[in-house]
Amino acid sequence: MRIYLLEIILSALFIFSCSFTAEERIQVNTIYSLNDVIGVGIKVKKDLETEFPQATDAKWGFHKSREIAVIRYPTVELARTLGKTAGEEQTEFVEIVEKNIAHGTKVEKTKCRGLKSNRYGFNSKMDSKINSEIGIGNIMILNKLKFFEDDINFSSNPAGAVCVRREPLYSDFVIHGNLVFLGEPLMKDYGQGQMIESSAKTIEFLEEILDLLPIQ
């Protein structure tokens, strides 16, 4: 009977741990400096253009070949309130209604991603091939809507490619102390379209950076 009861307790703990989200993770009250951020190996490049209310600074750069952004606040409380709002706004993914826009209005940095993205269910919703004459086959394009952007940038896409879906560059964020980290998801091309990693994997990558920050 005791063994059976122990199995039930262990199963409950396992289910609880699996449902543990990034927002529920244990928070710290540490105030980090920009030098602390640079010290973990982030190659800071430039400032974000967006003005984040009461933020000390907002930078973007690279870590392990992925682009990340860091918004820093003077207090932990501001990071957990205003920083949470900033993170949600910069990672807001929306269903396409006009043109090829799949990002919120306040998203600063965007990226064109292909149709074959399992993460947002596009395989089931938009399982079609590109037709060079009319856009996307088997989908009716209404006269009042423009599906593709007028100012498509082909520099980062294969020759002749069309930006079908423009998403937020940063898909997920985590808050740690007075810092808000935003991360770019890893993309892979398997020959039949791009596949985007899960949200859990992107957050795992960001949390690996958090582990490198100094313990204070």
N, C-alpha and C. Protein backbone atom coordinates (compact mmCIF):
# COMPACT_ATOMS: atom_id res chain seq x y z
N MET A 1 0.84 -1.22 0.00
CA MET A 1 0.00 0.00 0.00
C MET A 1 0.87 1.26 0.00
N ARG A 2 1.94 1.21 0.79
CA ARG A 2 2.83 2.36 0.84
C ARG A 2 3.52 2.60 -0.50
N ILE A 3 3.90 1.49 -1.14
CA ILE A 3 4.56 1.59 -2.45
C ILE A 3 3.60 2.19 -3.47
N TYR A 4 2.34 1.75 -3.42
CA TYR A 4 1.33 2.27 -4.35
C TYR A 4 1.12 3.76 -4.13
N LEU A 5 1.08 4.18 -2.86
CA LEU A 5 0.89 5.60 -2.53
C LEU A 5 2.08 6.41 -3.00
N LEU A 6 3.29 5.86 -2.87
CA LEU A 6 4.49 6.56 -3.33
C LEU A 6 4.48 6.76 -4.83
N GLU A 7 3.99 5.76 -5.56
CA GLU A 7 3.90 5.87 -7.02
C GLU A 7 2.94 6.98 -7.43
N ILE A 8 1.84 7.10 -6.69
CA ILE A 8 0.86 8.16 -7.00
C ILE A 8 1.48 9.54 -6.78
N ILE A 9 2.23 9.69 -5.67
CA ILE A 9 2.86 10.98 -5.36
C ILE A 9 3.89 11.35 -6.41
N LEU A 10 4.71 10.36 -6.81
CA LEU A 10 5.73 10.62 -7.82
C LEU A 10 5.10 10.98 -9.16
N SER A 11 4.00 10.33 -9.51
CA SER A 11 3.31 10.64 -10.77
C SER A 11 2.76 12.05 -10.75
N ALA A 12 2.21 12.45 -9.59
CA ALA A 12 1.66 13.81 -9.47
C ALA A 12 2.75 14.85 -9.59
N LEU A 13 3.90 14.58 -8.99
CA LEU A 13 5.03 15.51 -9.08
C LEU A 13 5.53 15.62 -10.51
N PHE A 14 5.53 14.49 -11.23
CA PHE A 14 5.98 14.51 -12.62
C PHE A 14 5.05 15.36 -13.49
N ILE A 15 3.74 15.18 -13.30
CA ILE A 15 2.77 15.96 -14.07
C ILE A 15 2.90 17.44 -13.77
N PHE A 16 3.12 17.76 -12.49
CA PHE A 16 3.27 19.16 -12.09
C PHE A 16 4.51 19.78 -12.72
N SER A 17 5.59 19.03 -12.74
CA SER A 17 6.83 19.55 -13.31
C SER A 17 6.71 19.76 -14.80
N CYS A 18 5.93 18.91 -15.48
CA CYS A 18 5.75 19.06 -16.92
C CYS A 18 4.90 20.27 -17.26
N SER A 19 4.02 20.67 -16.33
CA SER A 19 3.15 21.82 -16.58
C SER A 19 3.78 23.12 -16.10
N PHE A 20 5.01 23.06 -15.64
CA PHE A 20 5.72 24.23 -15.11
C PHE A 20 6.15 25.12 -16.27
N THR A 21 5.60 26.32 -16.39
CA THR A 21 5.87 27.20 -17.51
C THR A 21 6.96 28.19 -17.18
N ALA A 22 7.41 28.91 -18.25
CA ALA A 22 8.49 29.89 -18.08
C ALA A 22 8.07 31.01 -17.14
N GLU A 23 6.77 31.39 -17.19
CA GLU A 23 6.33 32.49 -16.34
C GLU A 23 6.26 32.06 -14.87
N GLU A 24 6.17 30.74 -14.61
CA GLU A 24 6.08 30.25 -13.25
C GLU A 24 7.45 29.95 -12.65
N ARG A 25 8.48 30.08 -13.45
CA ARG A 25 9.83 29.76 -12.97
C ARG A 25 10.21 30.69 -11.82
N ILE A 26 11.09 30.20 -10.97
CA ILE A 26 11.50 30.96 -9.79
C ILE A 26 12.23 32.23 -10.22
N GLN A 27 11.79 33.36 -9.72
CA GLN A 27 12.37 34.64 -10.08
C GLN A 27 13.44 35.06 -9.06
N VAL A 28 14.36 35.89 -9.51
CA VAL A 28 15.39 36.42 -8.62
C VAL A 28 15.20 37.92 -8.51
N ASN A 29 15.74 38.51 -7.48
CA ASN A 29 15.60 39.95 -7.26
C ASN A 29 16.89 40.70 -7.58
N THR A 30 17.73 40.09 -8.38
CA THR A 30 19.03 40.68 -8.70
C THR A 30 18.89 41.79 -9.74
N ILE A 31 19.66 42.86 -9.54
CA ILE A 31 19.74 43.95 -10.52
C ILE A 31 21.04 43.76 -11.30
N TYR A 32 20.91 43.44 -12.57
CA TYR A 32 22.07 43.18 -13.42
C TYR A 32 22.46 44.42 -14.20
N SER A 33 23.75 44.56 -14.45
CA SER A 33 24.28 45.66 -15.26
C SER A 33 24.45 45.20 -16.69
N LEU A 34 24.72 46.13 -17.58
CA LEU A 34 24.97 45.78 -18.97
C LEU A 34 26.24 44.94 -19.09
N ASN A 35 27.22 45.21 -18.23
CA ASN A 35 28.44 44.40 -18.24
C ASN A 35 28.16 42.95 -17.87
N ASP A 36 27.19 42.72 -17.00
CA ASP A 36 26.80 41.36 -16.65
C ASP A 36 26.24 40.64 -17.87
N VAL A 37 25.47 41.37 -18.66
CA VAL A 37 24.88 40.79 -19.88
C VAL A 37 25.98 40.45 -20.88
N ILE A 38 26.88 41.38 -21.08
CA ILE A 38 27.97 41.15 -22.04
C ILE A 38 28.88 40.03 -21.55
N GLY A 39 28.99 39.90 -20.24
CA GLY A 39 29.89 38.91 -19.66
C GLY A 39 29.50 37.47 -19.93
N VAL A 40 28.24 37.19 -20.28
CA VAL A 40 27.83 35.82 -20.55
C VAL A 40 28.15 35.40 -21.98
N GLY A 41 28.72 36.32 -22.76
CA GLY A 41 29.12 35.99 -24.12
C GLY A 41 28.21 36.55 -25.21
N ILE A 42 27.27 37.40 -24.83
CA ILE A 42 26.39 38.01 -25.82
C ILE A 42 27.15 39.10 -26.57
N LYS A 43 27.14 39.02 -27.89
CA LYS A 43 27.79 40.03 -28.72
C LYS A 43 26.78 41.13 -29.04
N VAL A 44 26.77 42.15 -28.21
CA VAL A 44 25.82 43.25 -28.36
C VAL A 44 26.17 44.07 -29.59
N LYS A 45 25.18 44.34 -30.41
CA LYS A 45 25.40 45.09 -31.65
C LYS A 45 24.87 46.52 -31.58
N LYS A 46 23.55 46.67 -31.46
CA LYS A 46 22.96 48.00 -31.50
C LYS A 46 21.79 48.10 -30.54
N ASP A 47 21.26 49.32 -30.43
CA ASP A 47 20.06 49.55 -29.63
C ASP A 47 18.81 49.17 -30.42
N LEU A 48 17.79 48.71 -29.74
CA LEU A 48 16.49 48.57 -30.37
C LEU A 48 15.91 49.97 -30.57
N GLU A 49 15.20 50.17 -31.65
CA GLU A 49 14.65 51.49 -31.95
C GLU A 49 13.40 51.81 -31.13
N THR A 50 12.70 50.79 -30.70
CA THR A 50 11.48 50.98 -29.92
C THR A 50 11.80 51.63 -28.58
N GLU A 51 10.97 52.58 -28.16
CA GLU A 51 11.13 53.20 -26.84
C GLU A 51 10.27 52.43 -25.84
N PHE A 52 10.95 51.77 -24.91
CA PHE A 52 10.25 51.03 -23.88
C PHE A 52 10.15 51.89 -22.63
N PRO A 53 8.94 52.22 -22.19
CA PRO A 53 8.77 53.12 -21.03
C PRO A 53 9.54 52.65 -19.81
N GLN A 54 10.33 53.59 -19.25
CA GLN A 54 11.11 53.41 -18.03
C GLN A 54 12.24 52.38 -18.13
N ALA A 55 12.51 51.87 -19.32
CA ALA A 55 13.63 50.95 -19.48
C ALA A 55 14.96 51.70 -19.42
N THR A 56 15.95 51.06 -18.83
CA THR A 56 17.29 51.66 -18.78
C THR A 56 17.94 51.66 -20.15
N ASP A 57 17.86 50.53 -20.82
CA ASP A 57 18.34 50.41 -22.20
C ASP A 57 17.75 49.15 -22.82
N ALA A 58 17.86 49.05 -24.14
CA ALA A 58 17.36 47.89 -24.87
C ALA A 58 18.33 47.61 -26.02
N LYS A 59 18.97 46.45 -25.98
CA LYS A 59 19.99 46.10 -26.96
C LYS A 59 19.63 44.81 -27.69
N TRP A 60 20.19 44.67 -28.89
CA TRP A 60 20.08 43.39 -29.58
C TRP A 60 21.47 42.95 -30.00
N GLY A 61 21.64 41.65 -30.10
CA GLY A 61 22.94 41.10 -30.46
C GLY A 61 22.81 39.62 -30.77
N PHE A 62 23.91 38.88 -30.59
CA PHE A 62 23.91 37.47 -30.94
C PHE A 62 24.53 36.63 -29.84
N HIS A 63 24.04 35.42 -29.72
CA HIS A 63 24.61 34.44 -28.81
C HIS A 63 24.47 33.07 -29.46
N LYS A 64 25.59 32.41 -29.70
CA LYS A 64 25.61 31.11 -30.37
C LYS A 64 24.87 31.16 -31.70
N SER A 65 25.17 32.19 -32.47
CA SER A 65 24.63 32.37 -33.83
C SER A 65 23.14 32.67 -33.88
N ARG A 66 22.53 32.92 -32.73
CA ARG A 66 21.12 33.32 -32.73
C ARG A 66 21.01 34.76 -32.28
N GLU A 67 20.05 35.46 -32.85
CA GLU A 67 19.83 36.84 -32.42
C GLU A 67 18.96 36.86 -31.17
N ILE A 68 19.35 37.68 -30.23
CA ILE A 68 18.56 37.87 -29.02
C ILE A 68 18.49 39.37 -28.73
N ALA A 69 17.56 39.75 -27.89
CA ALA A 69 17.45 41.14 -27.43
C ALA A 69 17.34 41.13 -25.92
N VAL A 70 17.84 42.19 -25.30
CA VAL A 70 17.78 42.32 -23.84
C VAL A 70 17.25 43.70 -23.51
N ILE A 71 16.14 43.74 -22.77
CA ILE A 71 15.59 45.00 -22.28
C ILE A 71 15.89 45.06 -20.79
N ARG A 72 16.54 46.12 -20.37
CA ARG A 72 16.97 46.23 -18.97
C ARG A 72 16.20 47.34 -18.27
N TYR A 73 15.76 47.05 -17.04
CA TYR A 73 14.98 48.00 -16.25
C TYR A 73 15.72 48.33 -14.95
N PRO A 74 15.44 49.48 -14.36
CA PRO A 74 16.13 49.86 -13.12
C PRO A 74 15.71 49.02 -11.92
N THR A 75 14.51 48.41 -11.98
CA THR A 75 14.04 47.59 -10.86
C THR A 75 13.45 46.28 -11.37
N VAL A 76 13.39 45.32 -10.47
CA VAL A 76 12.79 44.02 -10.79
C VAL A 76 11.29 44.17 -11.04
N GLU A 77 10.65 45.02 -10.25
CA GLU A 77 9.20 45.21 -10.38
C GLU A 77 8.83 45.73 -11.76
N LEU A 78 9.62 46.67 -12.28
CA LEU A 78 9.34 47.20 -13.62
C LEU A 78 9.55 46.14 -14.69
N ALA A 79 10.54 45.28 -14.51
CA ALA A 79 10.77 44.20 -15.48
C ALA A 79 9.60 43.23 -15.51
N ARG A 80 9.01 42.98 -14.34
CA ARG A 80 7.92 42.02 -14.25
C ARG A 80 6.58 42.60 -14.69
N THR A 81 6.49 43.90 -14.78
CA THR A 81 5.24 44.55 -15.21
C THR A 81 5.39 45.12 -16.62
N LEU A 82 6.11 46.23 -16.72
CA LEU A 82 6.31 46.85 -18.03
C LEU A 82 7.13 45.95 -18.95
N GLY A 83 8.09 45.23 -18.36
CA GLY A 83 8.91 44.33 -19.17
C GLY A 83 8.10 43.17 -19.73
N LYS A 84 7.18 42.67 -18.95
CA LYS A 84 6.31 41.60 -19.44
C LYS A 84 5.46 42.08 -20.61
N THR A 85 4.95 43.31 -20.49
CA THR A 85 4.17 43.88 -21.59
C THR A 85 5.03 44.05 -22.83
N ALA A 86 6.26 44.54 -22.64
CA ALA A 86 7.17 44.73 -23.77
C ALA A 86 7.48 43.41 -24.45
N GLY A 87 7.73 42.38 -23.65
CA GLY A 87 8.01 41.06 -24.21
C GLY A 87 6.85 40.52 -25.01
N GLU A 88 5.65 40.68 -24.49
CA GLU A 88 4.46 40.20 -25.19
C GLU A 88 4.25 40.96 -26.50
N GLU A 89 4.50 42.26 -26.48
CA GLU A 89 4.31 43.06 -27.68
C GLU A 89 5.33 42.72 -28.75
N GLN A 90 6.57 42.46 -28.36
CA GLN A 90 7.63 42.19 -29.34
C GLN A 90 7.59 40.76 -29.88
N THR A 91 6.83 39.88 -29.25
CA THR A 91 6.74 38.50 -29.73
C THR A 91 5.32 38.16 -30.20
N GLU A 92 4.51 39.19 -30.40
CA GLU A 92 3.10 38.95 -30.73
C GLU A 92 2.94 38.38 -32.14
N PHE A 93 2.44 37.19 -32.22
CA PHE A 93 2.15 36.51 -33.49
C PHE A 93 0.65 36.57 -33.73
N VAL A 94 0.24 37.00 -34.93
CA VAL A 94 -1.19 37.12 -35.24
C VAL A 94 -1.52 36.35 -36.51
N GLU A 95 -2.77 35.99 -36.63
CA GLU A 95 -3.24 35.33 -37.84
C GLU A 95 -3.26 36.32 -38.99
N ILE A 96 -2.85 35.88 -40.15
CA ILE A 96 -2.79 36.77 -41.31
C ILE A 96 -4.18 37.21 -41.73
N VAL A 97 -4.36 38.53 -41.80
CA VAL A 97 -5.62 39.11 -42.26
C VAL A 97 -5.37 39.97 -43.49
N GLU A 98 -4.27 40.69 -43.48
CA GLU A 98 -3.93 41.57 -44.60
C GLU A 98 -2.49 41.37 -45.00
N LYS A 99 -2.24 41.43 -46.29
CA LYS A 99 -0.91 41.22 -46.87
C LYS A 99 -0.36 39.88 -46.38
N ASN A 100 0.87 39.89 -45.93
CA ASN A 100 1.47 38.67 -45.39
C ASN A 100 1.86 38.88 -43.93
N ILE A 101 1.21 39.83 -43.28
CA ILE A 101 1.59 40.26 -41.94
C ILE A 101 1.08 39.27 -40.88
N ALA A 102 2.02 38.68 -40.14
CA ALA A 102 1.68 37.74 -39.08
C ALA A 102 2.29 38.19 -37.75
N HIS A 103 2.40 39.50 -37.58
CA HIS A 103 2.98 40.04 -36.35
C HIS A 103 2.16 41.22 -35.85
N GLY A 104 2.26 41.48 -34.54
CA GLY A 104 1.55 42.59 -33.95
C GLY A 104 2.06 43.94 -34.43
N THR A 105 1.29 44.97 -34.20
CA THR A 105 1.63 46.30 -34.70
C THR A 105 2.84 46.91 -34.01
N LYS A 106 3.19 46.44 -32.81
CA LYS A 106 4.30 47.01 -32.07
C LYS A 106 5.60 46.21 -32.21
N VAL A 107 5.57 45.14 -32.98
CA VAL A 107 6.77 44.33 -33.19
C VAL A 107 7.78 45.11 -34.02
N GLU A 108 9.00 45.27 -33.49
CA GLU A 108 10.02 46.04 -34.21
C GLU A 108 10.75 45.20 -35.25
N LYS A 109 11.22 44.03 -34.85
CA LYS A 109 12.04 43.21 -35.74
C LYS A 109 11.25 42.01 -36.21
N THR A 110 11.20 41.83 -37.54
CA THR A 110 10.42 40.75 -38.13
C THR A 110 11.31 39.90 -39.03
N LYS A 111 10.77 38.76 -39.41
CA LYS A 111 11.50 37.86 -40.30
C LYS A 111 10.52 37.08 -41.16
N CYS A 112 10.90 36.87 -42.43
CA CYS A 112 10.07 36.07 -43.32
C CYS A 112 10.32 34.60 -43.03
N ARG A 113 9.25 33.85 -42.85
CA ARG A 113 9.37 32.42 -42.61
C ARG A 113 8.42 31.68 -43.55
N GLY A 114 8.79 30.45 -43.91
CA GLY A 114 8.06 29.68 -44.90
C GLY A 114 6.73 29.13 -44.42
N LEU A 115 6.05 28.43 -45.32
CA LEU A 115 4.74 27.87 -45.03
C LEU A 115 4.81 26.68 -44.09
N LYS A 116 5.87 25.91 -44.15
CA LYS A 116 5.91 24.62 -43.45
C LYS A 116 6.33 24.79 -42.00
N SER A 117 5.54 25.50 -41.24
CA SER A 117 5.83 25.71 -39.82
C SER A 117 4.81 24.97 -38.97
N ASN A 118 5.25 23.88 -38.37
CA ASN A 118 4.34 23.09 -37.52
C ASN A 118 3.97 23.83 -36.26
N ARG A 119 4.81 24.77 -35.84
CA ARG A 119 4.62 25.40 -34.55
C ARG A 119 3.29 26.11 -34.45
N TYR A 120 2.90 26.82 -35.51
CA TYR A 120 1.67 27.60 -35.47
C TYR A 120 0.54 26.93 -36.25
N GLY A 121 0.74 25.67 -36.63
CA GLY A 121 -0.32 24.94 -37.30
C GLY A 121 -0.54 25.30 -38.75
N PHE A 122 0.48 25.84 -39.43
CA PHE A 122 0.28 26.26 -40.80
C PHE A 122 0.25 25.08 -41.76
N ASN A 123 0.75 23.93 -41.37
CA ASN A 123 0.68 22.78 -42.26
C ASN A 123 -0.76 22.38 -42.53
N SER A 124 -1.62 22.53 -41.52
CA SER A 124 -3.01 22.16 -41.70
C SER A 124 -3.84 23.30 -42.27
N LYS A 125 -3.44 24.54 -41.96
CA LYS A 125 -4.24 25.69 -42.39
C LYS A 125 -3.86 26.17 -43.79
N MET A 126 -2.58 26.03 -44.14
CA MET A 126 -2.12 26.59 -45.40
C MET A 126 -1.25 25.58 -46.14
N ASP A 127 -1.74 24.36 -46.31
CA ASP A 127 -0.99 23.30 -46.96
C ASP A 127 -1.16 23.44 -48.46
N SER A 128 -0.30 24.28 -49.08
CA SER A 128 -0.41 24.55 -50.51
C SER A 128 0.94 24.94 -51.07
N LYS A 129 1.03 24.99 -52.36
CA LYS A 129 2.27 25.35 -53.03
C LYS A 129 2.17 26.76 -53.60
N ILE A 130 3.32 27.40 -53.74
CA ILE A 130 3.34 28.75 -54.29
C ILE A 130 3.17 28.70 -55.80
N ASN A 131 2.26 29.49 -56.32
CA ASN A 131 2.06 29.63 -57.74
C ASN A 131 2.66 30.96 -58.15
N SER A 132 3.61 30.94 -59.08
CA SER A 132 4.35 32.16 -59.44
C SER A 132 3.46 33.21 -60.07
N GLU A 133 2.25 32.84 -60.52
CA GLU A 133 1.40 33.81 -61.19
C GLU A 133 0.39 34.44 -60.25
N ILE A 134 -0.21 33.65 -59.35
CA ILE A 134 -1.28 34.20 -58.53
C ILE A 134 -0.97 34.19 -57.05
N GLY A 135 0.17 33.70 -56.65
CA GLY A 135 0.51 33.72 -55.23
C GLY A 135 0.44 32.34 -54.63
N ILE A 136 -0.54 32.04 -53.82
CA ILE A 136 -0.64 30.74 -53.17
C ILE A 136 -1.81 29.98 -53.75
N GLY A 137 -1.51 28.79 -54.29
CA GLY A 137 -2.54 28.01 -54.95
C GLY A 137 -3.65 27.58 -54.01
N ASN A 138 -4.87 27.47 -54.56
CA ASN A 138 -6.04 26.99 -53.84
C ASN A 138 -6.53 27.95 -52.75
N ILE A 139 -6.02 29.18 -52.73
CA ILE A 139 -6.50 30.16 -51.75
C ILE A 139 -7.01 31.38 -52.51
N MET A 140 -8.26 31.76 -52.28
CA MET A 140 -8.83 32.92 -52.95
C MET A 140 -8.32 34.19 -52.28
N ILE A 141 -7.83 35.12 -53.08
CA ILE A 141 -7.35 36.40 -52.58
C ILE A 141 -8.39 37.47 -52.89
N LEU A 142 -8.98 38.06 -51.85
CA LEU A 142 -10.03 39.05 -52.04
C LEU A 142 -9.47 40.32 -52.64
N ASN A 143 -10.29 41.03 -53.40
CA ASN A 143 -9.85 42.24 -54.08
C ASN A 143 -9.39 43.33 -53.13
N LYS A 144 -10.01 43.41 -51.96
CA LYS A 144 -9.70 44.48 -51.02
C LYS A 144 -8.48 44.19 -50.16
N LEU A 145 -7.91 43.02 -50.30
CA LEU A 145 -6.74 42.66 -49.51
C LEU A 145 -5.53 42.47 -50.40
N LYS A 146 -4.37 42.89 -49.91
CA LYS A 146 -3.11 42.67 -50.61
C LYS A 146 -2.35 41.62 -49.82
N PHE A 147 -2.09 40.48 -50.44
CA PHE A 147 -1.51 39.37 -49.68
C PHE A 147 -0.02 39.55 -49.43
N PHE A 148 0.71 40.12 -50.41
CA PHE A 148 2.14 40.27 -50.27
C PHE A 148 2.52 41.72 -50.06
N GLU A 149 3.64 41.94 -49.39
CA GLU A 149 4.12 43.29 -49.14
C GLU A 149 4.64 43.91 -50.43
N ASP A 150 4.50 45.23 -50.53
CA ASP A 150 5.00 45.93 -51.70
C ASP A 150 6.52 46.01 -51.70
N ASP A 151 7.08 46.15 -50.52
CA ASP A 151 8.52 46.35 -50.42
C ASP A 151 9.21 45.08 -49.94
N ILE A 152 9.09 43.99 -50.70
CA ILE A 152 9.69 42.72 -50.33
C ILE A 152 11.21 42.81 -50.48
N ASN A 153 11.90 42.35 -49.48
CA ASN A 153 13.36 42.34 -49.50
C ASN A 153 13.82 40.92 -49.80
N PHE A 154 14.45 40.72 -50.97
CA PHE A 154 14.88 39.40 -51.37
C PHE A 154 16.31 39.10 -50.94
N SER A 155 16.96 40.04 -50.28
CA SER A 155 18.38 39.88 -49.98
C SER A 155 18.67 38.67 -49.09
N SER A 156 17.75 38.34 -48.18
CA SER A 156 17.99 37.23 -47.26
C SER A 156 17.23 35.97 -47.66
N ASN A 157 16.58 35.99 -48.84
CA ASN A 157 15.83 34.84 -49.30
C ASN A 157 16.42 34.30 -50.59
N PRO A 158 16.14 33.03 -50.93
CA PRO A 158 16.62 32.47 -52.18
C PRO A 158 16.11 33.26 -53.37
N ALA A 159 16.83 33.17 -54.49
CA ALA A 159 16.45 33.91 -55.70
C ALA A 159 15.02 33.55 -56.09
N GLY A 160 14.20 34.57 -56.32
CA GLY A 160 12.83 34.37 -56.74
C GLY A 160 11.87 34.06 -55.62
N ALA A 161 12.35 33.99 -54.38
CA ALA A 161 11.48 33.66 -53.25
C ALA A 161 10.57 34.83 -52.91
N VAL A 162 9.42 34.53 -52.35
CA VAL A 162 8.46 35.54 -51.96
C VAL A 162 8.22 35.43 -50.45
N CYS A 163 8.14 36.57 -49.81
CA CYS A 163 7.89 36.57 -48.37
C CYS A 163 6.42 36.26 -48.13
N VAL A 164 6.14 35.02 -47.84
CA VAL A 164 4.77 34.57 -47.69
C VAL A 164 4.19 34.97 -46.33
N ARG A 165 5.02 34.87 -45.28
CA ARG A 165 4.53 35.15 -43.94
C ARG A 165 5.62 35.88 -43.16
N ARG A 166 5.34 37.10 -42.74
CA ARG A 166 6.32 37.88 -41.97
C ARG A 166 5.93 37.83 -40.50
N GLU A 167 6.77 37.17 -39.70
CA GLU A 167 6.50 36.94 -38.28
C GLU A 167 7.42 37.78 -37.41
N PRO A 168 7.16 37.82 -36.10
CA PRO A 168 8.12 38.46 -35.19
C PRO A 168 9.44 37.70 -35.23
N LEU A 169 10.54 38.42 -35.27
CA LEU A 169 11.85 37.76 -35.24
C LEU A 169 12.02 37.00 -33.93
N TYR A 170 11.63 37.62 -32.83
CA TYR A 170 11.72 36.99 -31.51
C TYR A 170 10.39 36.32 -31.20
N SER A 171 10.43 35.03 -30.93
CA SER A 171 9.19 34.29 -30.72
C SER A 171 8.83 34.11 -29.24
N ASP A 172 9.84 34.20 -28.35
CA ASP A 172 9.59 33.95 -26.93
C ASP A 172 10.46 34.87 -26.07
N PHE A 173 10.06 35.01 -24.80
CA PHE A 173 10.85 35.84 -23.89
C PHE A 173 10.80 35.28 -22.49
N VAL A 174 11.82 35.62 -21.70
CA VAL A 174 11.87 35.25 -20.29
C VAL A 174 12.29 36.48 -19.49
N ILE A 175 11.84 36.55 -18.25
CA ILE A 175 12.18 37.65 -17.36
C ILE A 175 13.05 37.10 -16.24
N HIS A 176 14.15 37.78 -15.97
CA HIS A 176 15.08 37.32 -14.94
C HIS A 176 15.65 38.55 -14.25
N GLY A 177 15.30 38.73 -12.98
CA GLY A 177 15.74 39.93 -12.28
C GLY A 177 15.17 41.17 -12.95
N ASN A 178 16.06 42.10 -13.30
CA ASN A 178 15.62 43.31 -13.99
C ASN A 178 15.77 43.21 -15.50
N LEU A 179 15.96 41.99 -16.01
CA LEU A 179 16.20 41.79 -17.44
C LEU A 179 15.06 41.05 -18.12
N VAL A 180 14.82 41.44 -19.37
CA VAL A 180 13.88 40.72 -20.23
C VAL A 180 14.66 40.25 -21.45
N PHE A 181 14.76 38.94 -21.63
CA PHE A 181 15.47 38.36 -22.78
C PHE A 181 14.46 37.90 -23.81
N LEU A 182 14.68 38.29 -25.07
CA LEU A 182 13.85 37.85 -26.18
C LEU A 182 14.71 37.01 -27.11
N GLY A 183 14.17 35.86 -27.57
CA GLY A 183 14.98 34.96 -28.36
C GLY A 183 14.41 34.64 -29.73
N GLU A 184 15.32 34.47 -30.68
CA GLU A 184 14.96 34.04 -32.04
C GLU A 184 14.90 32.51 -32.07
N PRO A 185 13.83 31.92 -32.60
CA PRO A 185 13.76 30.46 -32.68
C PRO A 185 14.70 29.93 -33.76
N LEU A 186 15.17 28.71 -33.55
CA LEU A 186 16.05 28.07 -34.51
C LEU A 186 15.23 27.55 -35.67
N MET A 187 15.71 27.80 -36.90
CA MET A 187 15.01 27.35 -38.09
C MET A 187 15.88 26.35 -38.83
N LYS A 188 15.24 25.30 -39.37
CA LYS A 188 15.95 24.31 -40.17
C LYS A 188 15.18 24.06 -41.45
N ASP A 189 15.92 23.80 -42.52
CA ASP A 189 15.31 23.52 -43.81
C ASP A 189 15.53 22.05 -44.13
N TYR A 190 14.45 21.29 -44.24
CA TYR A 190 14.53 19.86 -44.51
C TYR A 190 14.26 19.53 -45.98
N GLY A 191 14.31 20.54 -46.84
CA GLY A 191 14.11 20.31 -48.26
C GLY A 191 12.67 20.49 -48.71
N GLN A 192 11.74 20.38 -47.80
CA GLN A 192 10.32 20.55 -48.13
C GLN A 192 9.73 21.76 -47.43
N GLY A 193 10.56 22.60 -46.94
CA GLY A 193 10.10 23.79 -46.24
C GLY A 193 10.79 23.94 -44.91
N GLN A 194 10.72 25.14 -44.33
CA GLN A 194 11.37 25.41 -43.07
C GLN A 194 10.55 24.90 -41.89
N MET A 195 11.24 24.41 -40.89
CA MET A 195 10.60 23.95 -39.66
C MET A 195 11.14 24.81 -38.53
N ILE A 196 10.25 25.27 -37.66
CA ILE A 196 10.65 26.14 -36.56
C ILE A 196 10.60 25.35 -35.26
N GLU A 197 11.60 25.57 -34.40
CA GLU A 197 11.64 24.81 -33.15
C GLU A 197 10.48 25.21 -32.24
N SER A 198 10.20 24.38 -31.27
CA SER A 198 9.10 24.63 -30.35
C SER A 198 9.42 25.79 -29.41
N SER A 199 8.37 26.35 -28.83
CA SER A 199 8.54 27.43 -27.87
C SER A 199 9.37 26.96 -26.68
N ALA A 200 9.18 25.71 -26.26
CA ALA A 200 9.94 25.17 -25.13
C ALA A 200 11.44 25.16 -25.42
N LYS A 201 11.81 24.85 -26.66
CA LYS A 201 13.22 24.82 -27.03
C LYS A 201 13.83 26.22 -27.04
N THR A 202 13.08 27.20 -27.52
CA THR A 202 13.57 28.57 -27.54
C THR A 202 13.76 29.08 -26.11
N ILE A 203 12.80 28.80 -25.24
CA ILE A 203 12.92 29.22 -23.84
C ILE A 203 14.07 28.49 -23.16
N GLU A 204 14.27 27.24 -23.51
CA GLU A 204 15.40 26.47 -22.95
C GLU A 204 16.72 27.14 -23.32
N PHE A 205 16.81 27.61 -24.56
CA PHE A 205 18.02 28.32 -25.01
C PHE A 205 18.23 29.60 -24.20
N LEU A 206 17.15 30.35 -23.97
CA LEU A 206 17.26 31.58 -23.19
C LEU A 206 17.64 31.29 -21.74
N GLU A 207 17.10 30.23 -21.19
CA GLU A 207 17.41 29.91 -19.80
C GLU A 207 18.85 29.43 -19.63
N GLU A 208 19.44 28.90 -20.70
CA GLU A 208 20.86 28.55 -20.65
C GLU A 208 21.71 29.81 -20.48
N ILE A 209 21.24 30.91 -21.07
CA ILE A 209 21.94 32.19 -20.90
C ILE A 209 21.79 32.68 -19.46
N LEU A 210 20.60 32.53 -18.91
CA LEU A 210 20.36 32.97 -17.53
C LEU A 210 21.30 32.26 -16.56
N ASP A 211 21.57 30.99 -16.83
CA ASP A 211 22.45 30.24 -15.94
C ASP A 211 23.87 30.77 -15.94
N LEU A 212 24.22 31.54 -16.97
CA LEU A 212 25.57 32.08 -17.07
C LEU A 212 25.72 33.42 -16.34
N LEU A 213 24.61 34.03 -15.98
CA LEU A 213 24.67 35.31 -15.27
C LEU A 213 25.25 35.10 -13.85
N PRO A 214 25.95 36.11 -13.34
CA PRO A 214 26.54 35.98 -12.01
C PRO A 214 25.48 35.84 -10.93
N ILE A 215 25.77 35.04 -9.93
CA ILE A 215 24.87 34.87 -8.77
C ILE A 215 25.21 35.93 -7.75
N GLN A 216 24.24 36.75 -7.41
CA GLN A 216 24.49 37.84 -6.47
C GLN A 216 23.59 37.73 -5.26
